[in-house]
Protein backbone atom coordinates (compact mmCIF):
# COMPACT_ATOMS: atom_id res chain seq x y z
CA UNK A 1 8.47 -165.99 140.67
CA UNK A 2 9.25 -168.82 139.02
CA UNK A 3 10.94 -169.83 136.03
CA UNK A 4 7.89 -169.15 133.68
CA UNK A 5 8.27 -165.46 135.04
CA UNK A 6 12.18 -165.29 134.39
CA UNK A 7 11.36 -166.79 130.13
CA UNK A 8 8.83 -164.45 129.64
CA UNK A 9 10.71 -161.26 131.09
CA UNK A 10 13.66 -162.53 129.15
CA UNK A 11 11.66 -163.63 125.63
CA UNK A 12 9.59 -160.09 126.24
CA UNK A 13 12.89 -157.96 126.41
CA UNK A 14 14.33 -160.15 123.26
CA UNK A 15 11.29 -159.77 121.06
CA UNK A 16 10.82 -156.31 122.10
CA UNK A 17 14.84 -155.86 120.38
CA UNK A 18 14.09 -157.83 117.19
CA UNK A 19 11.06 -155.27 116.99
CA UNK A 20 12.50 -152.48 117.39
CA UNK A 21 15.34 -153.56 114.90
CA UNK A 22 12.82 -154.80 112.83
CA UNK A 23 11.24 -151.32 112.53
CA UNK A 24 14.24 -149.24 111.93
CA UNK A 25 15.57 -151.26 109.58
CA UNK A 26 12.30 -151.89 107.65
CA UNK A 27 12.42 -155.57 107.95
CA UNK A 28 8.75 -156.98 108.67
CA UNK A 29 9.88 -159.83 109.19
CA UNK A 30 12.59 -159.12 112.18
CA UNK A 31 9.78 -156.81 113.59
CA UNK A 32 7.05 -159.67 112.89
CA UNK A 33 9.41 -161.88 115.21
CA UNK A 34 10.15 -159.01 117.26
CA UNK A 35 5.96 -159.20 117.92
CA UNK A 36 5.08 -163.20 117.95
CA UNK A 37 8.29 -162.69 120.75
CA UNK A 38 7.04 -160.31 122.95
CA UNK A 39 3.25 -162.42 122.91
CA UNK A 40 5.33 -165.94 123.14
CA UNK A 41 7.25 -163.67 126.62
CA UNK A 42 3.72 -162.05 127.59
CA UNK A 43 1.79 -165.89 127.26
CA UNK A 44 5.41 -167.34 129.65
CA UNK A 45 4.49 -164.12 132.21
CA UNK A 46 0.93 -164.95 132.72
CA UNK A 47 2.01 -169.01 133.22
CA UNK A 48 3.58 -168.16 135.66
CA UNK A 49 0.84 -165.82 137.87
CA UNK A 50 -0.86 -168.60 136.89
CA UNK A 51 1.27 -171.42 138.81
CA UNK A 52 1.89 -168.30 141.72
CA UNK A 53 -2.03 -168.22 142.34
CA UNK A 54 -2.12 -171.91 142.31
CA UNK A 55 0.29 -172.51 144.57
CA UNK A 56 -1.15 -169.79 147.15
CA UNK A 57 -4.61 -171.25 146.43
CA UNK A 58 -2.89 -174.81 148.20
CA UNK A 59 -1.66 -172.91 151.12
CA UNK A 60 -4.33 -172.60 154.52
């Protein structure tokens, strides 16, 4: 696990909070920010997975 996984998990959590807060308050802008944050977090986690796979492929 590298920093991309950590960034991804944090980004997804932060996005989920914003999404939920926006939904509760009826703030579409905040909700959209949350959805973008969740997507960015997922992208970071995917990048971390690719890096892990590359490291594993390089090992004998």
